[in-house]
C-alpha atoms as a PDB file:
ATOM      1  CA  MET A   1     108.001  45.008 185.957  1.00  0.00           C
ATOM      2  CA  GLU A   2     105.743  46.978 188.282  1.00  0.00           C
ATOM      3  CA  ARG A   3     102.066  46.253 188.638  1.00  0.00           C
ATOM      4  CA  GLY A   4     100.087  48.539 186.343  1.00  0.00           C
ATOM      5  CA  ASP A   5     102.756  48.503 183.675  1.00  0.00           C
ATOM      6  CA  ALA A   6     101.139  48.352 180.215  1.00  0.00           C
ATOM      7  CA  ALA A   7     102.969  45.117 179.461  1.00  0.00           C
ATOM      8  CA  ASP A   8     101.503  43.391 182.615  1.00  0.00           C
ATOM      9  CA  SER A   9      98.823  41.189 181.079  1.00  0.00           C
ATOM     10  CA  GLN A  10      98.668  38.693 183.934  1.00  0.00           C
ATOM     11  CA  LEU A  11      95.979  40.424 185.963  1.00  0.00           C
ATOM     12  CA  ALA A  12      93.391  38.300 187.638  1.00  0.00           C
ATOM     13  CA  PRO A  13      89.790  39.407 188.431  1.00  0.00           C
ATOM     14  CA  GLY A  14      89.900  41.601 191.531  1.00  0.00           C
ATOM     15  CA  ASP A  15      93.547  42.655 191.046  1.00  0.00           C
ATOM     16  CA  GLU A  16      94.170  46.354 191.442  1.00  0.00           C
ATOM     17  CA  PHE A  17      96.304  48.374 189.092  1.00  0.00           C
ATOM     18  CA  VAL A  18      97.067  52.077 188.456  1.00  0.00           C
ATOM     19  CA  VAL A  19      96.498  53.566 185.048  1.00  0.00           C
ATOM     20  CA  ARG A  20      99.058  56.224 184.137  1.00  0.00           C
ATOM     21  CA  ALA A  21      98.887  58.600 181.198  1.00  0.00           C
ATOM     22  CA  THR A  22     100.788  61.476 179.718  1.00  0.00           C
ATOM     23  CA  SER A  23      99.178  64.881 179.705  1.00  0.00           C
ATOM     24  CA  TYR A  24     100.038  68.067 177.792  1.00  0.00           C
ATOM     25  CA  THR A  25      97.999  70.650 179.642  1.00  0.00           C
ATOM     26  CA  ARG A  26      99.158  73.741 177.790  1.00  0.00           C
ATOM     27  CA  LEU A  27      99.037  72.544 174.187  1.00  0.00           C
ATOM     28  CA  ASP A  28      99.655  75.992 172.822  1.00  0.00           C
ATOM     29  CA  THR A  29     103.051  76.242 174.528  1.00  0.00           C
ATOM     30  CA  TRP A  30     104.035  72.555 174.667  1.00  0.00           C
ATOM     31  CA  GLN A  31     107.724  71.785 174.573  1.00  0.00           C
ATOM     32  CA  PRO A  32     109.493  68.434 174.868  1.00  0.00           C
ATOM     33  CA  GLY A  33     109.808  67.477 178.539  1.00  0.00           C
ATOM     34  CA  ASP A  34     106.510  69.133 179.537  1.00  0.00           C
ATOM     35  CA  ALA A  35     104.842  65.745 179.927  1.00  0.00           C
ATOM     36  CA  ARG A  36     103.962  64.629 183.424  1.00  0.00           C
ATOM     37  CA  ASP A  37     102.574  61.379 184.812  1.00  0.00           C
ATOM     38  CA  TYR A  38      99.263  61.511 186.658  1.00  0.00           C
ATOM     39  CA  GLU A  39      96.437  59.198 187.602  1.00  0.00           C
ATOM     40  CA  VAL A  40      93.848  59.323 184.863  1.00  0.00           C
ATOM     41  CA  LYS A  41      91.208  61.835 185.857  1.00  0.00           C
ATOM     42  CA  SER A  42      90.481  63.322 182.455  1.00  0.00           C
ATOM     43  CA  ARG A  43      87.175  65.023 182.065  1.00  0.00           C
ATOM     44  CA  THR A  44      85.455  65.762 178.771  1.00  0.00           C
ATOM     45  CA  GLN A  45      82.715  68.305 178.186  1.00  0.00           C
ATOM     46  CA  GLU A  46      80.287  68.558 175.334  1.00  0.00           C
ATOM     47  CA  LEU A  47      81.176  70.596 172.273  1.00  0.00           C
ATOM     48  CA  ASP A  48      78.553  73.252 171.457  1.00  0.00           C
ATOM     49  CA  PRO A  49      76.457  71.273 168.981  1.00  0.00           C
ATOM     50  CA  GLN A  50      75.066  74.367 167.215  1.00  0.00           C
ATOM     51  CA  ASP A  51      78.504  75.506 166.108  1.00  0.00           C
ATOM     52  CA  TRP A  52      79.965  72.129 165.292  1.00  0.00           C
ATOM     53  CA  GLN A  53      76.862  70.705 163.579  1.00  0.00           C
ATOM     54  CA  THR A  54      77.618  72.910 160.547  1.00  0.00           C
ATOM     55  CA  LEU A  55      80.594  70.620 159.863  1.00  0.00           C
ATOM     56  CA  VAL A  56      78.731  67.351 160.079  1.00  0.00           C
ATOM     57  CA  GLY A  57      78.404  65.632 156.688  1.00  0.00           C
ATOM     58  CA  THR A  58      80.444  64.453 153.744  1.00  0.00           C
ATOM     59  CA  TRP A  59      82.691  66.822 151.807  1.00  0.00           C
ATOM     60  CA  SER A  60      84.686  66.551 148.601  1.00  0.00           C
ATOM     61  CA  LEU A  61      88.063  68.241 148.716  1.00  0.00           C
ATOM     62  CA  ASP A  62      90.520  69.864 146.329  1.00  0.00           C
ATOM     63  CA  ALA A  63      93.900  70.861 147.698  1.00  0.00           C
ATOM     64  CA  THR A  64      97.324  72.071 146.709  1.00  0.00           C
ATOM     65  CA  HIS A  65     100.609  71.625 148.560  1.00  0.00           C
ATOM     66  CA  PRO A  66     103.930  73.440 147.937  1.00  0.00           C
ATOM     67  CA  LEU A  67     105.836  70.152 147.826  1.00  0.00           C
ATOM     68  CA  LEU A  68     103.565  68.975 144.952  1.00  0.00           C
ATOM     69  CA  PRO A  69     103.637  72.036 142.572  1.00  0.00           C
ATOM     70  CA  GLY A  70     101.111  71.984 139.785  1.00  0.00           C
ATOM     71  CA  GLU A  71      99.184  69.018 141.235  1.00  0.00           C
ATOM     72  CA  THR A  72      95.626  69.064 142.597  1.00  0.00           C
ATOM     73  CA  ILE A  73      95.022  66.707 145.492  1.00  0.00           C
ATOM     74  CA  ARG A  74      91.477  65.266 145.545  1.00  0.00           C
ATOM     75  CA  GLY A  75      89.688  63.311 148.179  1.00  0.00           C
ATOM     76  CA  GLU A  76      86.802  63.146 150.602  1.00  0.00           C
ATOM     77  CA  MET A  77      86.266  64.121 154.198  1.00  0.00           C
ATOM     78  CA  THR A  78      83.516  63.329 156.677  1.00  0.00           C
ATOM     79  CA  PHE A  79      82.592  64.846 160.039  1.00  0.00           C
ATOM     80  CA  GLU A  80      80.397  62.807 162.342  1.00  0.00           C
ATOM     81  CA  TRP A  81      79.532  62.780 166.018  1.00  0.00           C
ATOM     82  CA  LEU A  82      80.610  60.016 168.306  1.00  0.00           C
ATOM     83  CA  ASP A  83      77.569  58.819 170.235  1.00  0.00           C
ATOM     84  CA  GLY A  84      76.868  61.259 173.010  1.00  0.00           C
ATOM     85  CA  ARG A  85      78.013  64.278 170.943  1.00  0.00           C
ATOM     86  CA  ARG A  86      81.037  64.948 173.190  1.00  0.00           C
ATOM     87  CA  LEU A  87      83.554  64.198 170.418  1.00  0.00           C
ATOM     88  CA  LEU A  88      83.485  65.019 166.696  1.00  0.00           C
ATOM     89  CA  ILE A  89      85.337  62.685 164.346  1.00  0.00           C
ATOM     90  CA  GLN A  90      86.837  63.877 161.074  1.00  0.00           C
ATOM     91  CA  ARG A  91      87.992  61.248 158.524  1.00  0.00           C
ATOM     92  CA  SER A  92      89.936  62.284 155.431  1.00  0.00           C
ATOM     93  CA  SER A  93      90.932  60.127 152.480  1.00  0.00           C
ATOM     94  CA  TYR A  94      92.983  61.293 149.536  1.00  0.00           C
ATOM     95  CA  GLU A  95      93.492  59.988 146.004  1.00  0.00           C
ATOM     96  CA  HIS A  96      97.132  61.204 145.899  1.00  0.00           C
ATOM     97  CA  PRO A  97      99.684  58.555 147.059  1.00  0.00           C
ATOM     98  CA  GLU A  98     101.867  61.209 148.784  1.00  0.00           C
ATOM     99  CA  ILE A  99      99.099  62.448 151.071  1.00  0.00           C
ATOM    100  CA  PRO A 100      98.201  60.196 154.023  1.00  0.00           C
ATOM    101  CA  ASP A 101      94.661  59.288 154.974  1.00  0.00           C
ATOM    102  CA  ALA A 102      93.826  60.618 158.402  1.00  0.00           C
ATOM    103  CA  ILE A 103      91.406  60.738 161.322  1.00  0.00           C
ATOM    104  CA  ALA A 104      91.072  63.608 163.771  1.00  0.00           C
ATOM    105  CA  ILE A 105      89.048  63.734 166.940  1.00  0.00           C
ATOM    106  CA  PHE A 106      87.827  67.091 168.300  1.00  0.00           C
ATOM    107  CA  GLY A 107      86.697  67.523 171.895  1.00  0.00           C
ATOM    108  CA  VAL A 108      87.077  69.379 175.162  1.00  0.00           C
ATOM    109  CA  ILE A 109      89.452  67.535 177.473  1.00  0.00           C
ATOM    110  CA  ASP A 110      90.549  68.995 180.806  1.00  0.00           C
ATOM    111  CA  ASP A 111      88.859  72.284 179.857  1.00  0.00           C
ATOM    112  CA  GLN A 112      90.976  72.578 176.670  1.00  0.00           C
ATOM    113  CA  LEU A 113      89.392  72.334 173.227  1.00  0.00           C
ATOM    114  CA  SER A 114      91.755  70.180 171.257  1.00  0.00           C
ATOM    115  CA  MET A 115      92.155  67.974 168.202  1.00  0.00           C
ATOM    116  CA  HIS A 116      94.043  64.657 168.169  1.00  0.00           C
ATOM    117  CA  TYR A 117      95.274  63.889 164.678  1.00  0.00           C
ATOM    118  CA  PHE A 118      96.352  60.470 163.468  1.00  0.00           C
ATOM    119  CA  ASP A 119      97.334  59.414 159.960  1.00  0.00           C
ATOM    120  CA  SER A 120      98.264  56.362 157.921  1.00  0.00           C
ATOM    121  CA  ARG A 121     102.004  57.004 158.522  1.00  0.00           C
ATOM    122  CA  ALA A 122     101.361  56.395 162.247  1.00  0.00           C
ATOM    123  CA  VAL A 123     101.773  60.124 162.937  1.00  0.00           C
ATOM    124  CA  HIS A 124      99.963  61.528 166.003  1.00  0.00           C
ATOM    125  CA  ARG A 125      99.739  65.250 166.658  1.00  0.00           C
ATOM    126  CA  ILE A 126      97.761  67.319 169.210  1.00  0.00           C
ATOM    127  CA  PHE A 127      96.443  70.743 168.282  1.00  0.00           C
ATOM    128  CA  THR A 128      94.749  73.495 170.232  1.00  0.00           C
ATOM    129  CA  VAL A 129      91.462  74.473 168.658  1.00  0.00           C
ATOM    130  CA  SER A 130      88.990  77.383 168.455  1.00  0.00           C
ATOM    131  CA  PHE A 131      85.774  77.532 166.485  1.00  0.00           C
ATOM    132  CA  ILE A 132      84.236  80.996 166.481  1.00  0.00           C
ATOM    133  CA  GLN A 133      81.619  82.432 164.100  1.00  0.00           C
ATOM    134  CA  GLY A 134      82.240  79.843 161.355  1.00  0.00           C
ATOM    135  CA  THR A 135      86.046  79.945 161.523  1.00  0.00           C
ATOM    136  CA  LEU A 136      87.833  76.854 162.810  1.00  0.00           C
ATOM    137  CA  ARG A 137      91.438  77.355 163.767  1.00  0.00           C
ATOM    138  CA  TYR A 138      93.885  74.789 165.072  1.00  0.00           C
ATOM    139  CA  ALA A 139      97.567  74.998 165.820  1.00  0.00           C
ATOM    140  CA  ARG A 140     100.514  73.232 167.411  1.00  0.00           C
ATOM    141  CA  ASN A 141     103.867  74.499 168.466  1.00  0.00           C
ATOM    142  CA  ALA A 142     106.612  71.914 168.227  1.00  0.00           C
ATOM    143  CA  PRO A 143     110.353  72.474 167.833  1.00  0.00           C
ATOM    144  CA  GLY A 144     111.265  72.284 164.161  1.00  0.00           C
ATOM    145  CA  PHE A 145     107.724  71.765 162.877  1.00  0.00           C
ATOM    146  CA  SER A 146     104.944  74.104 164.125  1.00  0.00           C
ATOM    147  CA  GLN A 147     101.656  74.203 162.220  1.00  0.00           C
ATOM    148  CA  ARG A 148      98.538  76.337 162.106  1.00  0.00           C
ATOM    149  CA  PHE A 149      95.384  76.069 159.998  1.00  0.00           C
ATOM    150  CA  THR A 150      92.373  78.262 159.419  1.00  0.00           C
ATOM    151  CA  LEU A 151      89.179  76.872 157.917  1.00  0.00           C
ATOM    152  CA  THR A 152      86.325  79.244 157.169  1.00  0.00           C
ATOM    153  CA  VAL A 153      82.777  77.979 156.550  1.00  0.00           C
ATOM    154  CA  SER A 154      80.850  79.858 153.829  1.00  0.00           C
ATOM    155  CA  ASP A 155      77.619  81.687 154.702  1.00  0.00           C
ATOM    156  CA  ASP A 156      75.566  79.007 152.852  1.00  0.00           C
ATOM    157  CA  LEU A 157      77.386  76.257 154.899  1.00  0.00           C
ATOM    158  CA  ASN A 158      78.299  74.365 151.702  1.00  0.00           C
ATOM    159  CA  THR A 159      82.005  75.299 151.278  1.00  0.00           C
ATOM    160  CA  ILE A 160      84.961  75.448 153.639  1.00  0.00           C
ATOM    161  CA  ALA A 161      88.066  77.338 152.529  1.00  0.00           C
ATOM    162  CA  GLY A 162      91.206  76.274 154.352  1.00  0.00           C
ATOM    163  CA  ARG A 163      94.778  77.505 154.522  1.00  0.00           C
ATOM    164  CA  GLY A 164      97.676  75.980 156.419  1.00  0.00           C
ATOM    165  CA  GLU A 165     101.021  77.352 157.438  1.00  0.00           C
ATOM    166  CA  LEU A 166     104.149  75.804 158.895  1.00  0.00           C
ATOM    167  CA  SER A 167     107.171  77.092 160.754  1.00  0.00           C
ATOM    168  CA  ARG A 168     110.522  75.389 161.202  1.00  0.00           C
ATOM    169  CA  ASP A 169     111.827  78.010 163.650  1.00  0.00           C
ATOM    170  CA  GLY A 170     108.603  79.164 165.456  1.00  0.00           C
ATOM    171  CA  ASP A 171     108.987  82.734 164.088  1.00  0.00           C
ATOM    172  CA  SER A 172     108.710  82.742 160.274  1.00  0.00           C
ATOM    173  CA  TRP A 173     105.692  81.051 158.695  1.00  0.00           C
ATOM    174  CA  GLN A 174     105.364  79.551 155.182  1.00  0.00           C
ATOM    175  CA  GLU A 175     102.260  78.601 153.183  1.00  0.00           C
ATOM    176  CA  ASP A 176     101.508  74.929 153.432  1.00  0.00           C
ATOM    177  CA  LEU A 177      98.332  73.066 152.410  1.00  0.00           C
ATOM    178  CA  ALA A 178      95.566  75.044 150.729  1.00  0.00           C
ATOM    179  CA  ILE A 179      92.279  73.214 150.677  1.00  0.00           C
ATOM    180  CA  THR A 180      88.620  73.682 149.635  1.00  0.00           C
ATOM    181  CA  TYR A 181      85.884  71.427 150.907  1.00  0.00           C
ATOM    182  CA  ARG A 182      82.477  71.224 149.144  1.00  0.00           C
ATOM    183  CA  ARG A 183      79.514  69.639 150.840  1.00  0.00           C
ATOM    184  CA  ILE A 184      78.286  66.459 149.190  1.00  0.00           C
ATOM    185  CA  ARG A 185      75.601  65.629 151.752  1.00  0.00           C
END
């Protein structure tokens, strides 16, 4: 095992080691095999607090999903800043047993606005993101399972209407999750 390997837990004070990470620099065109090793030099920038502050708070949610016809999915979502306001954290919990609870982290990393999504199934996905004039969009292109979402904040800032789509072939898109968030506080 080489020094710096993640499994090397026998480091003594003063020992040197190299931290390696995987980077996907073009998230909008990512394909398997695009990963590259590099020494960690990631840089984060602040999100524009004026835009993103409109999301901060607690929201109830009602959703529908094509795989659950006739059912309404209910739950709650929160947006909150990580100290320093460089990253925004979204936590979602659902009352339906088929929908996983999740956490997403939004931020600018290496000059790319992105979202890292994790859920209770141990799924991790990375999305490119834009947030312009009250419309939050995020998307990922992955072979066999591409996704895109559009969330639009109402003029009174108390409702968010969301629509998701998925593509199995990267060309044709189908409706996926439809969701409405209502501000609780």
